[in-house]
Every structure is written in C-alpha cells, then in structure tokens.
Amino acid sequence: NPLLSCVSKIMSAPKVCIIGIGAMGADVARRYRDQGHNICVWNRTASKAKVVCDEDFKGSCVMAEKVTDAISLCANGACIIIFLLEQATTDEMLRTEGIGAALADKVFVNLTAGTPDETRETHKLL
C-alpha cells in the first residue's frame, strides 16, 4: 500500500539532527537516542559520527556524509542542533550550497560559542 509506505517513512524520519559530534554533540545525540528518538548526525571527522551511530540505543541513528544530506534527511519540523567549535565554522556551513533549502520547515538551534555580534551576523545567513 503506497499510503502506508509513505506514512511509515514520515514517521521514521529523524526528528533531531546533530551537527558536530564533539563532547557535547555526542552526549546530546546519545541522550536523544536513549530516549528512543531517531536522529541524524554529521561531523567533519566521520569516525566520530560513526561511533555515536554504532552504539546500541533505542533510537536509530543515520550518519550523513554531507551536512546538507544530514539536514535534508530529517522530517519537516525537525530540530537541527549545531555544536560547532566557533561561529566562523557555523557561518561557513550556512553558506554551503543547498543549506537554505534543507533548513526550510526545520527548527535551527545554534549552540556554537560566540559573541552577541557574531550571533546576529550568523542569523542574517538564515
């Protein structure tokens, strides 16, 4: 049944995307999975993302090769949480081709360290 297949795909699409799997990003990803949430992760160093996805938790984990893929794989309304080291890196990511379209209909949470002025400049990229 095509309708059931479509509904199943929508229901299983990740509702959370973690960008940046350092200490904080990894812990948050594990917590979401432990609570049974399906997540998508991306990290410049793929091996860090793989470790989080390979761990045994209730929720599933999808590791994306590109940041745009990680965000695009998530359901509409998904929470995209950014844990990058510095604001310049986040800004660079937001300038990636296709990011604007991928972020449409999603909630963007930027937990990157930065000054208020840097944050305002990053907001202009959204």
PDB file of N, CA and C in Angstrom:
ATOM      1  N   ASN A   1       0.844  -1.176   0.000  1.00  0.00           N
ATOM      2  CA  ASN A   1       0.000   0.000   0.000  1.00  0.00           C
ATOM      3  C   ASN A   1       0.892   1.243   0.000  1.00  0.00           C
ATOM      4  N   PRO A   2       0.829   2.062  -1.046  1.00  0.00           N
ATOM      5  CA  PRO A   2       1.686   3.252  -1.141  1.00  0.00           C
ATOM      6  C   PRO A   2       1.467   4.253  -0.014  1.00  0.00           C
ATOM      7  N   LEU A   3       0.221   4.405   0.434  1.00  0.00           N
ATOM      8  CA  LEU A   3      -0.074   5.358   1.515  1.00  0.00           C
ATOM      9  C   LEU A   3       0.595   4.913   2.807  1.00  0.00           C
ATOM     10  N   LEU A   4       0.493   3.644   3.141  1.00  0.00           N
ATOM     11  CA  LEU A   4       1.123   3.139   4.363  1.00  0.00           C
ATOM     12  C   LEU A   4       2.637   3.262   4.283  1.00  0.00           C
ATOM     13  N   SER A   5       3.193   3.018   3.119  1.00  0.00           N
ATOM     14  CA  SER A   5       4.635   3.157   2.929  1.00  0.00           C
ATOM     15  C   SER A   5       5.065   4.598   3.166  1.00  0.00           C
ATOM     16  N   CYS A   6       4.305   5.542   2.640  1.00  0.00           N
ATOM     17  CA  CYS A   6       4.613   6.962   2.807  1.00  0.00           C
ATOM     18  C   CYS A   6       4.506   7.367   4.273  1.00  0.00           C
ATOM     19  N   VAL A   7       3.444   6.939   4.951  1.00  0.00           N
ATOM     20  CA  VAL A   7       3.257   7.263   6.372  1.00  0.00           C
ATOM     21  C   VAL A   7       4.372   6.662   7.209  1.00  0.00           C
ATOM     22  N   SER A   8       4.758   5.437   6.905  1.00  0.00           N
ATOM     23  CA  SER A   8       5.832   4.778   7.639  1.00  0.00           C
ATOM     24  C   SER A   8       7.142   5.546   7.491  1.00  0.00           C
ATOM     25  N   LYS A   9       7.425   5.998   6.277  1.00  0.00           N
ATOM     26  CA  LYS A   9       8.651   6.752   6.022  1.00  0.00           C
ATOM     27  C   LYS A   9       8.643   8.066   6.801  1.00  0.00           C
ATOM     28  N   ILE A  10       7.516   8.763   6.805  1.00  0.00           N
ATOM     29  CA  ILE A  10       7.400  10.035   7.523  1.00  0.00           C
ATOM     30  C   ILE A  10       7.561   9.813   9.023  1.00  0.00           C
ATOM     31  N   MET A  11       6.947   8.777   9.553  1.00  0.00           N
ATOM     32  CA  MET A  11       7.002   8.518  10.997  1.00  0.00           C
ATOM     33  C   MET A  11       8.403   8.140  11.453  1.00  0.00           C
ATOM     34  N   SER A  12       9.188   7.499  10.579  1.00  0.00           N
ATOM     35  CA  SER A  12      10.523   7.058  10.988  1.00  0.00           C
ATOM     36  C   SER A  12      11.612   8.080  10.658  1.00  0.00           C
ATOM     37  N   ALA A  13      11.275   9.128   9.902  1.00  0.00           N
ATOM     38  CA  ALA A  13      12.277  10.144   9.558  1.00  0.00           C
ATOM     39  C   ALA A  13      12.796  10.782  10.838  1.00  0.00           C
ATOM     40  N   PRO A  14      14.111  11.004  10.911  1.00  0.00           N
ATOM     41  CA  PRO A  14      14.674  11.609  12.129  1.00  0.00           C
ATOM     42  C   PRO A  14      14.021  12.956  12.448  1.00  0.00           C
ATOM     43  N   LYS A  15      13.775  13.171  13.737  1.00  0.00           N
ATOM     44  CA  LYS A  15      13.182  14.426  14.205  1.00  0.00           C
ATOM     45  C   LYS A  15      14.252  15.339  14.807  1.00  0.00           C
ATOM     46  N   VAL A  16      15.476  14.800  14.925  1.00  0.00           N
ATOM     47  CA  VAL A  16      16.595  15.544  15.505  1.00  0.00           C
ATOM     48  C   VAL A  16      17.825  15.313  14.647  1.00  0.00           C
ATOM     49  N   CYS A  17      18.555  16.401  14.398  1.00  0.00           N
ATOM     50  CA  CYS A  17      19.811  16.311  13.658  1.00  0.00           C
ATOM     51  C   CYS A  17      20.887  16.997  14.490  1.00  0.00           C
ATOM     52  N   ILE A  18      21.959  16.303  14.738  1.00  0.00           N
ATOM     53  CA  ILE A  18      23.080  16.850  15.498  1.00  0.00           C
ATOM     54  C   ILE A  18      24.223  17.106  14.526  1.00  0.00           C
ATOM     55  N   ILE A  19      24.627  18.381  14.422  1.00  0.00           N
ATOM     56  CA  ILE A  19      25.741  18.776  13.567  1.00  0.00           C
ATOM     57  C   ILE A  19      26.912  19.109  14.481  1.00  0.00           C
ATOM     58  N   GLY A  20      27.947  18.303  14.426  1.00  0.00           N
ATOM     59  CA  GLY A  20      29.118  18.485  15.291  1.00  0.00           C
ATOM     60  C   GLY A  20      29.098  17.472  16.419  1.00  0.00           C
ATOM     61  N   ILE A  21      29.899  16.436  16.294  1.00  0.00           N
ATOM     62  CA  ILE A  21      29.927  15.350  17.285  1.00  0.00           C
ATOM     63  C   ILE A  21      31.224  15.432  18.091  1.00  0.00           C
ATOM     64  N   GLY A  22      31.356  16.532  18.826  1.00  0.00           N
ATOM     65  CA  GLY A  22      32.418  16.640  19.817  1.00  0.00           C
ATOM     66  C   GLY A  22      31.859  16.103  21.122  1.00  0.00           C
ATOM     67  N   ALA A  23      32.416  16.507  22.239  1.00  0.00           N
ATOM     68  CA  ALA A  23      31.955  16.014  23.543  1.00  0.00           C
ATOM     69  C   ALA A  23      30.479  16.341  23.784  1.00  0.00           C
ATOM     70  N   MET A  24      30.088  17.598  23.567  1.00  0.00           N
ATOM     71  CA  MET A  24      28.697  17.993  23.814  1.00  0.00           C
ATOM     72  C   MET A  24      27.753  17.364  22.801  1.00  0.00           C
ATOM     73  N   GLY A  25      28.089  17.458  21.521  1.00  0.00           N
ATOM     74  CA  GLY A  25      27.216  16.912  20.486  1.00  0.00           C
ATOM     75  C   GLY A  25      26.999  15.415  20.652  1.00  0.00           C
ATOM     76  N   ALA A  26      28.058  14.697  20.989  1.00  0.00           N
ATOM     77  CA  ALA A  26      27.955  13.244  21.188  1.00  0.00           C
ATOM     78  C   ALA A  26      27.059  12.924  22.376  1.00  0.00           C
ATOM     79  N   ASP A  27      27.217  13.650  23.476  1.00  0.00           N
ATOM     80  CA  ASP A  27      26.382  13.397  24.656  1.00  0.00           C
ATOM     81  C   ASP A  27      24.913  13.681  24.386  1.00  0.00           C
ATOM     82  N   VAL A  28      24.632  14.770  23.680  1.00  0.00           N
ATOM     83  CA  VAL A  28      23.246  15.101  23.342  1.00  0.00           C
ATOM     84  C   VAL A  28      22.669  14.040  22.400  1.00  0.00           C
ATOM     85  N   ALA A  29      23.445  13.617  21.411  1.00  0.00           N
ATOM     86  CA  ALA A  29      22.989  12.572  20.489  1.00  0.00           C
ATOM     87  C   ALA A  29      22.655  11.284  21.258  1.00  0.00           C
ATOM     88  N   ARG A  30      23.513  10.905  22.173  1.00  0.00           N
ATOM     89  CA  ARG A  30      23.267   9.689  22.964  1.00  0.00           C
ATOM     90  C   ARG A  30      22.006   9.823  23.814  1.00  0.00           C
ATOM     91  N   ARG A  31      21.802  10.979  24.376  1.00  0.00           N
ATOM     92  CA  ARG A  31      20.620  11.201  25.228  1.00  0.00           C
ATOM     93  C   ARG A  31      19.338  11.082  24.394  1.00  0.00           C
ATOM     94  N   TYR A  32      19.310  11.713  23.230  1.00  0.00           N
ATOM     95  CA  TYR A  32      18.133  11.595  22.363  1.00  0.00           C
ATOM     96  C   TYR A  32      17.880  10.139  21.988  1.00  0.00           C
ATOM     97  N   ARG A  33      18.926   9.426  21.598  1.00  0.00           N
ATOM     98  CA  ARG A  33      18.761   8.018  21.213  1.00  0.00           C
ATOM     99  C   ARG A  33      18.330   7.168  22.385  1.00  0.00           C
ATOM    100  N   ASP A  34      18.874   7.431  23.560  1.00  0.00           N
ATOM    101  CA  ASP A  34      18.499   6.683  24.751  1.00  0.00           C
ATOM    102  C   ASP A  34      17.003   6.840  25.056  1.00  0.00           C
ATOM    103  N   GLN A  35      16.455   8.002  24.693  1.00  0.00           N
ATOM    104  CA  GLN A  35      15.031   8.255  24.908  1.00  0.00           C
ATOM    105  C   GLN A  35      14.173   7.706  23.759  1.00  0.00           C
ATOM    106  N   GLY A  36      14.798   7.054  22.782  1.00  0.00           N
ATOM    107  CA  GLY A  36      14.068   6.412  21.697  1.00  0.00           C
ATOM    108  C   GLY A  36      13.863   7.260  20.464  1.00  0.00           C
ATOM    109  N   HIS A  37      14.516   8.411  20.389  1.00  0.00           N
ATOM    110  CA  HIS A  37      14.381   9.286  19.222  1.00  0.00           C
ATOM    111  C   HIS A  37      15.282   8.825  18.084  1.00  0.00           C
ATOM    112  N   ASN A  38      14.772   8.897  16.866  1.00  0.00           N
ATOM    113  CA  ASN A  38      15.579   8.644  15.670  1.00  0.00           C
ATOM    114  C   ASN A  38      16.313   9.932  15.346  1.00  0.00           C
ATOM    115  N   ILE A  39      17.611   9.840  15.124  1.00  0.00           N
ATOM    116  CA  ILE A  39      18.413  11.036  14.864  1.00  0.00           C
ATOM    117  C   ILE A  39      19.263  10.870  13.613  1.00  0.00           C
ATOM    118  N   CYS A  40      19.754  11.995  13.133  1.00  0.00           N
ATOM    119  CA  CYS A  40      20.727  12.027  12.045  1.00  0.00           C
ATOM    120  C   CYS A  40      21.914  12.832  12.554  1.00  0.00           C
ATOM    121  N   VAL A  41      23.117  12.410  12.224  1.00  0.00           N
ATOM    122  CA  VAL A  41      24.309  13.114  12.694  1.00  0.00           C
ATOM    123  C   VAL A  41      25.254  13.395  11.537  1.00  0.00           C
ATOM    124  N   TRP A  42      26.046  14.457  11.725  1.00  0.00           N
ATOM    125  CA  TRP A  42      27.104  14.780  10.776  1.00  0.00           C
ATOM    126  C   TRP A  42      28.269  15.381  11.549  1.00  0.00           C
ATOM    127  N   ASN A  43      29.455  15.029  11.122  1.00  0.00           N
ATOM    128  CA  ASN A  43      30.678  15.600  11.677  1.00  0.00           C
ATOM    129  C   ASN A  43      31.730  15.621  10.579  1.00  0.00           C
ATOM    130  N   ARG A  44      32.584  16.651  10.599  1.00  0.00           N
ATOM    131  CA  ARG A  44      33.654  16.708   9.591  1.00  0.00           C
ATOM    132  C   ARG A  44      34.519  15.466   9.656  1.00  0.00           C
ATOM    133  N   THR A  45      34.773  14.979  10.865  1.00  0.00           N
ATOM    134  CA  THR A  45      35.515  13.734  11.052  1.00  0.00           C
ATOM    135  C   THR A  45      34.479  12.621  11.181  1.00  0.00           C
ATOM    136  N   ALA A  46      34.258  11.906  10.098  1.00  0.00           N
ATOM    137  CA  ALA A  46      33.181  10.919  10.038  1.00  0.00           C
ATOM    138  C   ALA A  46      33.296   9.845  11.117  1.00  0.00           C
ATOM    139  N   SER A  47      34.506   9.503  11.530  1.00  0.00           N
ATOM    140  CA  SER A  47      34.679   8.439  12.525  1.00  0.00           C
ATOM    141  C   SER A  47      34.007   8.798  13.847  1.00  0.00           C
ATOM    142  N   LYS A  48      33.956  10.070  14.206  1.00  0.00           N
ATOM    143  CA  LYS A  48      33.272  10.482  15.441  1.00  0.00           C
ATOM    144  C   LYS A  48      31.772  10.251  15.332  1.00  0.00           C
ATOM    145  N   ALA A  49      31.199  10.568  14.187  1.00  0.00           N
ATOM    146  CA  ALA A  49      29.769  10.336  13.976  1.00  0.00           C
ATOM    147  C   ALA A  49      29.470   8.835  13.959  1.00  0.00           C
ATOM    148  N   LYS A  50      30.367   8.059  13.368  1.00  0.00           N
ATOM    149  CA  LYS A  50      30.166   6.611  13.279  1.00  0.00           C
ATOM    150  C   LYS A  50      30.104   5.971  14.664  1.00  0.00           C
ATOM    151  N   VAL A  51      30.940   6.428  15.576  1.00  0.00           N
ATOM    152  CA  VAL A  51      30.942   5.882  16.934  1.00  0.00           C
ATOM    153  C   VAL A  51      29.561   6.047  17.577  1.00  0.00           C
ATOM    154  N   VAL A  52      28.992   7.236  17.443  1.00  0.00           N
ATOM    155  CA  VAL A  52      27.672   7.504  18.038  1.00  0.00           C
ATOM    156  C   VAL A  52      26.598   6.638  17.383  1.00  0.00           C
ATOM    157  N   CYS A  53      26.672   6.478  16.062  1.00  0.00           N
ATOM    158  CA  CYS A  53      25.669   5.670  15.355  1.00  0.00           C
ATOM    159  C   CYS A  53      25.808   4.179  15.644  1.00  0.00           C
ATOM    160  N   ASP A  54      27.020   3.719  15.900  1.00  0.00           N
ATOM    161  CA  ASP A  54      27.247   2.292  16.127  1.00  0.00           C
ATOM    162  C   ASP A  54      26.848   1.833  17.526  1.00  0.00           C
ATOM    163  N   GLU A  55      26.649   2.773  18.448  1.00  0.00           N
ATOM    164  CA  GLU A  55      26.276   2.401  19.816  1.00  0.00           C
ATOM    165  C   GLU A  55      24.837   1.894  19.860  1.00  0.00           C
ATOM    166  N   ASP A  56      24.553   1.039  20.833  1.00  0.00           N
ATOM    167  CA  ASP A  56      23.251   0.394  20.940  1.00  0.00           C
ATOM    168  C   ASP A  56      22.315   1.214  21.839  1.00  0.00           C
ATOM    169  N   PHE A  57      21.345   1.877  21.218  1.00  0.00           N
ATOM    170  CA  PHE A  57      20.328   2.644  21.941  1.00  0.00           C
ATOM    171  C   PHE A  57      18.966   2.323  21.333  1.00  0.00           C
ATOM    172  N   LYS A  58      17.904   2.792  21.987  1.00  0.00           N
ATOM    173  CA  LYS A  58      16.544   2.574  21.480  1.00  0.00           C
ATOM    174  C   LYS A  58      16.327   3.247  20.132  1.00  0.00           C
ATOM    175  N   GLY A  59      16.726   4.507  20.014  1.00  0.00           N
ATOM    176  CA  GLY A  59      16.503   5.260  18.783  1.00  0.00           C
ATOM    177  C   GLY A  59      17.533   4.935  17.723  1.00  0.00           C
ATOM    178  N   SER A  60      17.119   5.030  16.470  1.00  0.00           N
ATOM    179  CA  SER A  60      18.039   4.761  15.371  1.00  0.00           C
ATOM    180  C   SER A  60      18.916   5.985  15.096  1.00  0.00           C
ATOM    181  N   CYS A  61      19.975   5.773  14.344  1.00  0.00           N
ATOM    182  CA  CYS A  61      20.914   6.842  14.016  1.00  0.00           C
ATOM    183  C   CYS A  61      21.354   6.683  12.571  1.00  0.00           C
ATOM    184  N   VAL A  62      21.257   7.778  11.836  1.00  0.00           N
ATOM    185  CA  VAL A  62      21.720   7.818  10.456  1.00  0.00           C
ATOM    186  C   VAL A  62      22.899   8.771  10.403  1.00  0.00           C
ATOM    187  N   MET A  63      23.984   8.332   9.792  1.00  0.00           N
ATOM    188  CA  MET A  63      25.166   9.179   9.633  1.00  0.00           C
ATOM    189  C   MET A  63      25.214   9.665   8.192  1.00  0.00           C
ATOM    190  N   ALA A  64      25.277  10.965   8.010  1.00  0.00           N
ATOM    191  CA  ALA A  64      25.315  11.538   6.670  1.00  0.00           C
ATOM    192  C   ALA A  64      26.738  11.926   6.294  1.00  0.00           C
ATOM    193  N   GLU A  65      27.034  11.836   4.997  1.00  0.00           N
ATOM    194  CA  GLU A  65      28.357  12.219   4.507  1.00  0.00           C
ATOM    195  C   GLU A  65      28.491  13.723   4.359  1.00  0.00           C
ATOM    196  N   LYS A  66      27.373  14.397   4.012  1.00  0.00           N
ATOM    197  CA  LYS A  66      27.390  15.849   3.826  1.00  0.00           C
ATOM    198  C   LYS A  66      26.414  16.493   4.791  1.00  0.00           C
ATOM    199  N   VAL A  67      26.739  17.693   5.232  1.00  0.00           N
ATOM    200  CA  VAL A  67      25.871  18.400   6.173  1.00  0.00           C
ATOM    201  C   VAL A  67      24.492  18.646   5.563  1.00  0.00           C
ATOM    202  N   THR A  68      24.429  18.962   4.278  1.00  0.00           N
ATOM    203  CA  THR A  68      23.121  19.189   3.645  1.00  0.00           C
ATOM    204  C   THR A  68      22.290  17.908   3.644  1.00  0.00           C
ATOM    205  N   ASP A  69      22.939  16.770   3.456  1.00  0.00           N
ATOM    206  CA  ASP A  69      22.220  15.489   3.493  1.00  0.00           C
ATOM    207  C   ASP A  69      21.665  15.221   4.889  1.00  0.00           C
ATOM    208  N   ALA A  70      22.466  15.493   5.912  1.00  0.00           N
ATOM    209  CA  ALA A  70      22.018  15.258   7.290  1.00  0.00           C
ATOM    210  C   ALA A  70      20.741  16.030   7.582  1.00  0.00           C
ATOM    211  N   ILE A  71      20.712  17.287   7.190  1.00  0.00           N
ATOM    212  CA  ILE A  71      19.551  18.131   7.455  1.00  0.00           C
ATOM    213  C   ILE A  71      18.376  17.708   6.579  1.00  0.00           C
ATOM    214  N   SER A  72      18.636  17.405   5.312  1.00  0.00           N
ATOM    215  CA  SER A  72      17.574  17.029   4.374  1.00  0.00           C
ATOM    216  C   SER A  72      16.895  15.720   4.751  1.00  0.00           C
ATOM    217  N   LEU A  73      17.630  14.809   5.380  1.00  0.00           N
ATOM    218  CA  LEU A  73      17.056  13.518   5.773  1.00  0.00           C
ATOM    219  C   LEU A  73      16.024  13.643   6.886  1.00  0.00           C
ATOM    220  N   CYS A  74      16.044  14.750   7.591  1.00  0.00           N
ATOM    221  CA  CYS A  74      15.146  14.926   8.740  1.00  0.00           C
ATOM    222  C   CYS A  74      13.756  15.371   8.312  1.00  0.00           C
ATOM    223  N   ALA A  75      12.787  15.025   9.129  1.00  0.00           N
ATOM    224  CA  ALA A  75      11.389  15.370   8.881  1.00  0.00           C
ATOM    225  C   ALA A  75      11.177  16.873   8.970  1.00  0.00           C
ATOM    226  N   ASN A  76      10.132  17.364   8.310  1.00  0.00           N
ATOM    227  CA  ASN A  76       9.735  18.756   8.495  1.00  0.00           C
ATOM    228  C   ASN A  76       9.459  18.985   9.971  1.00  0.00           C
ATOM    229  N   GLY A  77       9.872  20.119  10.476  1.00  0.00           N
ATOM    230  CA  GLY A  77       9.701  20.427  11.895  1.00  0.00           C
ATOM    231  C   GLY A  77      10.804  19.869  12.778  1.00  0.00           C
ATOM    232  N   ALA A  78      11.753  19.146  12.183  1.00  0.00           N
ATOM    233  CA  ALA A  78      12.851  18.560  12.963  1.00  0.00           C
ATOM    234  C   ALA A  78      13.693  19.657  13.601  1.00  0.00           C
ATOM    235  N   CYS A  79      14.331  19.301  14.684  1.00  0.00           N
ATOM    236  CA  CYS A  79      15.221  20.212  15.403  1.00  0.00           C
ATOM    237  C   CYS A  79      16.654  19.950  14.939  1.00  0.00           C
ATOM    238  N   ILE A  80      17.276  20.971  14.349  1.00  0.00           N
ATOM    239  CA  ILE A  80      18.648  20.877  13.864  1.00  0.00           C
ATOM    240  C   ILE A  80      19.527  21.590  14.888  1.00  0.00           C
ATOM    241  N   ILE A  81      20.349  20.843  15.609  1.00  0.00           N
ATOM    242  CA  ILE A  81      21.158  21.408  16.695  1.00  0.00           C
ATOM    243  C   ILE A  81      22.621  21.448  16.258  1.00  0.00           C
ATOM    244  N   ILE A  82      23.188  22.649  16.318  1.00  0.00           N
ATOM    245  CA  ILE A  82      24.561  22.867  15.860  1.00  0.00           C
ATOM    246  C   ILE A  82      25.500  22.949  17.058  1.00  0.00           C
ATOM    247  N   PHE A  83      26.513  22.089  17.072  1.00  0.00           N
ATOM    248  CA  PHE A  83      27.551  22.079  18.109  1.00  0.00           C
ATOM    249  C   PHE A  83      28.917  22.234  17.437  1.00  0.00           C
ATOM    250  N   LEU A  84      29.147  23.343  16.782  1.00  0.00           N
ATOM    251  CA  LEU A  84      30.445  23.555  16.142  1.00  0.00           C
ATOM    252  C   LEU A  84      31.315  24.429  17.037  1.00  0.00           C
ATOM    253  N   LEU A  85      32.617  24.358  16.843  1.00  0.00           N
ATOM    254  CA  LEU A  85      33.570  24.987  17.749  1.00  0.00           C
ATOM    255  C   LEU A  85      33.499  26.506  17.764  1.00  0.00           C
ATOM    256  N   GLU A  86      33.336  27.098  16.596  1.00  0.00           N
ATOM    257  CA  GLU A  86      33.348  28.566  16.543  1.00  0.00           C
ATOM    258  C   GLU A  86      32.341  29.064  15.528  1.00  0.00           C
ATOM    259  N   GLN A  87      31.929  30.306  15.706  1.00  0.00           N
ATOM    260  CA  GLN A  87      30.895  30.901  14.873  1.00  0.00           C
ATOM    261  C   GLN A  87      31.298  30.948  13.402  1.00  0.00           C
ATOM    262  N   ALA A  88      32.573  31.181  13.106  1.00  0.00           N
ATOM    263  CA  ALA A  88      33.037  31.229  11.719  1.00  0.00           C
ATOM    264  C   ALA A  88      32.784  29.893  11.015  1.00  0.00           C
ATOM    265  N   THR A  89      32.937  28.792  11.724  1.00  0.00           N
ATOM    266  CA  THR A  89      32.686  27.468  11.150  1.00  0.00           C
ATOM    267  C   THR A  89      31.205  27.285  10.864  1.00  0.00           C
ATOM    268  N   THR A  90      30.368  27.747  11.783  1.00  0.00           N
ATOM    269  CA  THR A  90      28.915  27.680  11.572  1.00  0.00           C
ATOM    270  C   THR A  90      28.525  28.528  10.367  1.00  0.00           C
ATOM    271  N   ASP A  91      29.081  29.731  10.278  1.00  0.00           N
ATOM    272  CA  ASP A  91      28.781  30.608   9.142  1.00  0.00           C
ATOM    273  C   ASP A  91      29.192  29.951   7.820  1.00  0.00           C
ATOM    274  N   GLU A  92      30.356  29.323   7.821  1.00  0.00           N
ATOM    275  CA  GLU A  92      30.828  28.626   6.617  1.00  0.00           C
ATOM    276  C   GLU A  92      29.841  27.521   6.229  1.00  0.00           C
ATOM    277  N   MET A  93      29.373  26.764   7.220  1.00  0.00           N
ATOM    278  CA  MET A  93      28.409  25.697   6.971  1.00  0.00           C
ATOM    279  C   MET A  93      27.119  26.267   6.382  1.00  0.00           C
ATOM    280  N   LEU A  94      26.665  27.404   6.918  1.00  0.00           N
ATOM    281  CA  LEU A  94      25.415  28.001   6.446  1.00  0.00           C
ATOM    282  C   LEU A  94      25.528  28.554   5.021  1.00  0.00           C
ATOM    283  N   ARG A  95      26.736  28.763   4.558  1.00  0.00           N
ATOM    284  CA  ARG A  95      26.951  29.234   3.184  1.00  0.00           C
ATOM    285  C   ARG A  95      27.061  28.074   2.185  1.00  0.00           C
ATOM    286  N   THR A  96      27.027  26.847   2.669  1.00  0.00           N
ATOM    287  CA  THR A  96      27.106  25.663   1.817  1.00  0.00           C
ATOM    288  C   THR A  96      25.900  25.625   0.883  1.00  0.00           C
ATOM    289  N   GLU A  97      26.160  25.330  -0.370  1.00  0.00           N
ATOM    290  CA  GLU A  97      25.074  25.249  -1.347  1.00  0.00           C
ATOM    291  C   GLU A  97      24.018  24.241  -0.897  1.00  0.00           C
ATOM    292  N   GLY A  98      22.777  24.649  -0.938  1.00  0.00           N
ATOM    293  CA  GLY A  98      21.663  23.774  -0.585  1.00  0.00           C
ATOM    294  C   GLY A  98      21.235  23.833   0.862  1.00  0.00           C
ATOM    295  N   ILE A  99      21.997  24.500   1.704  1.00  0.00           N
ATOM    296  CA  ILE A  99      21.646  24.552   3.129  1.00  0.00           C
ATOM    297  C   ILE A  99      20.322  25.272   3.355  1.00  0.00           C
ATOM    298  N   GLY A 100      20.121  26.388   2.674  1.00  0.00           N
ATOM    299  CA  GLY A 100      18.881  27.148   2.856  1.00  0.00           C
ATOM    300  C   GLY A 100      17.655  26.296   2.597  1.00  0.00           C
ATOM    301  N   ALA A 101      17.656  25.572   1.499  1.00  0.00           N
ATOM    302  CA  ALA A 101      16.528  24.699   1.163  1.00  0.00           C
ATOM    303  C   ALA A 101      16.398  23.562   2.174  1.00  0.00           C
ATOM    304  N   ALA A 102      17.526  23.010   2.613  1.00  0.00           N
ATOM    305  CA  ALA A 102      17.490  21.907   3.581  1.00  0.00           C
ATOM    306  C   ALA A 102      16.911  22.356   4.918  1.00  0.00           C
ATOM    307  N   LEU A 103      17.182  23.604   5.311  1.00  0.00           N
ATOM    308  CA  LEU A 103      16.701  24.111   6.604  1.00  0.00           C
ATOM    309  C   LEU A 103      15.239  24.557   6.581  1.00  0.00           C
ATOM    310  N   ALA A 104      14.647  24.647   5.391  1.00  0.00           N
ATOM    311  CA  ALA A 104      13.247  25.078   5.311  1.00  0.00           C
ATOM    312  C   ALA A 104      12.364  24.145   6.136  1.00  0.00           C
ATOM    313  N   ASP A 105      11.454  24.718   6.888  1.00  0.00           N
ATOM    314  CA  ASP A 105      10.492  23.969   7.715  1.00  0.00           C
ATOM    315  C   ASP A 105      11.153  23.179   8.851  1.00  0.00           C
ATOM    316  N   LYS A 106      12.340  23.623   9.280  1.00  0.00           N
ATOM    317  CA  LYS A 106      13.016  22.977  10.399  1.00  0.00           C
ATOM    318  C   LYS A 106      13.377  24.022  11.447  1.00  0.00           C
ATOM    319  N   VAL A 107      13.606  23.576  12.662  1.00  0.00           N
ATOM    320  CA  VAL A 107      13.987  24.459  13.762  1.00  0.00           C
ATOM    321  C   VAL A 107      15.502  24.433  13.880  1.00  0.00           C
ATOM    322  N   PHE A 108      16.127  25.598  13.822  1.00  0.00           N
ATOM    323  CA  PHE A 108      17.589  25.723  13.859  1.00  0.00           C
ATOM    324  C   PHE A 108      18.010  26.202  15.248  1.00  0.00           C
ATOM    325  N   VAL A 109      18.809  25.388  15.947  1.00  0.00           N
ATOM    326  CA  VAL A 109      19.305  25.739  17.276  1.00  0.00           C
ATOM    327  C   VAL A 109      20.822  25.796  17.201  1.00  0.00           C
ATOM    328  N   ASN A 110      21.376  26.995  17.370  1.00  0.00           N
ATOM    329  CA  ASN A 110      22.817  27.191  17.252  1.00  0.00           C
ATOM    330  C   ASN A 110      23.436  27.278  18.647  1.00  0.00           C
ATOM    331  N   LEU A 111      24.167  26.240  19.038  1.00  0.00           N
ATOM    332  CA  LEU A 111      24.829  26.220  20.340  1.00  0.00           C
ATOM    333  C   LEU A 111      26.334  26.434  20.214  1.00  0.00           C
ATOM    334  N   THR A 112      26.729  27.065  19.121  1.00  0.00           N
ATOM    335  CA  THR A 112      28.125  27.407  18.904  1.00  0.00           C
ATOM    336  C   THR A 112      28.497  28.597  19.784  1.00  0.00           C
ATOM    337  N   ALA A 113      29.680  28.547  20.379  1.00  0.00           N
ATOM    338  CA  ALA A 113      30.138  29.665  21.198  1.00  0.00           C
ATOM    339  C   ALA A 113      30.422  30.868  20.310  1.00  0.00           C
ATOM    340  N   GLY A 114      30.041  32.045  20.779  1.00  0.00           N
ATOM    341  CA  GLY A 114      30.298  33.267  20.027  1.00  0.00           C
ATOM    342  C   GLY A 114      29.777  34.481  20.769  1.00  0.00           C
ATOM    343  N   THR A 115      30.132  35.624  20.275  1.00  0.00           N
ATOM    344  CA  THR A 115      29.680  36.875  20.874  1.00  0.00           C
ATOM    345  C   THR A 115      28.278  37.210  20.354  1.00  0.00           C
ATOM    346  N   PRO A 116      27.581  38.122  21.029  1.00  0.00           N
ATOM    347  CA  PRO A 116      26.267  38.539  20.521  1.00  0.00           C
ATOM    348  C   PRO A 116      26.337  39.087  19.093  1.00  0.00           C
ATOM    349  N   ASP A 117      27.380  39.863  18.775  1.00  0.00           N
ATOM    350  CA  ASP A 117      27.517  40.399  17.420  1.00  0.00           C
ATOM    351  C   ASP A 117      27.707  39.279  16.396  1.00  0.00           C
ATOM    352  N   GLU A 118      28.519  38.277  16.734  1.00  0.00           N
ATOM    353  CA  GLU A 118      28.722  37.148  15.826  1.00  0.00           C
ATOM    354  C   GLU A 118      27.405  36.400  15.603  1.00  0.00           C
ATOM    355  N   THR A 119      26.649  36.241  16.661  1.00  0.00           N
ATOM    356  CA  THR A 119      25.371  35.539  16.558  1.00  0.00           C
ATOM    357  C   THR A 119      24.406  36.305  15.657  1.00  0.00           C
ATOM    358  N   ARG A 120      24.361  37.620  15.784  1.00  0.00           N
ATOM    359  CA  ARG A 120      23.492  38.428  14.914  1.00  0.00           C
ATOM    360  C   ARG A 120      23.912  38.292  13.451  1.00  0.00           C
ATOM    361  N   GLU A 121      25.222  38.255  13.187  1.00  0.00           N
ATOM    362  CA  GLU A 121      25.695  38.090  11.819  1.00  0.00           C
ATOM    363  C   GLU A 121      25.303  36.704  11.278  1.00  0.00           C
ATOM    364  N   THR A 122      25.420  35.683  12.107  1.00  0.00           N
ATOM    365  CA  THR A 122      25.030  34.339  11.690  1.00  0.00           C
ATOM    366  C   THR A 122      23.539  34.293  11.384  1.00  0.00           C
ATOM    367  N   HIS A 123      22.737  34.954  12.195  1.00  0.00           N
ATOM    368  CA  HIS A 123      21.291  34.974  11.984  1.00  0.00           C
ATOM    369  C   HIS A 123      20.939  35.534  10.603  1.00  0.00           C
ATOM    370  N   LYS A 124      21.726  36.471  10.111  1.00  0.00           N
ATOM    371  CA  LYS A 124      21.486  37.065   8.781  1.00  0.00           C
ATOM    372  C   LYS A 124      21.643  36.031   7.659  1.00  0.00           C
ATOM    373  N   LEU A 125      22.389  34.971   7.924  1.00  0.00           N
ATOM    374  CA  LEU A 125      22.613  33.940   6.903  1.00  0.00           C
ATOM    375  C   LEU A 125      21.429  32.977   6.775  1.00  0.00           C
ATOM    376  N   LEU A 126      20.530  33.023   7.743  1.00  0.00           N
ATOM    377  CA  LEU A 126      19.394  32.088   7.716  1.00  0.00           C
ATOM    378  C   LEU A 126      18.284  32.552   6.820  1.00  0.00           C
TER     379      LEU A 126
END
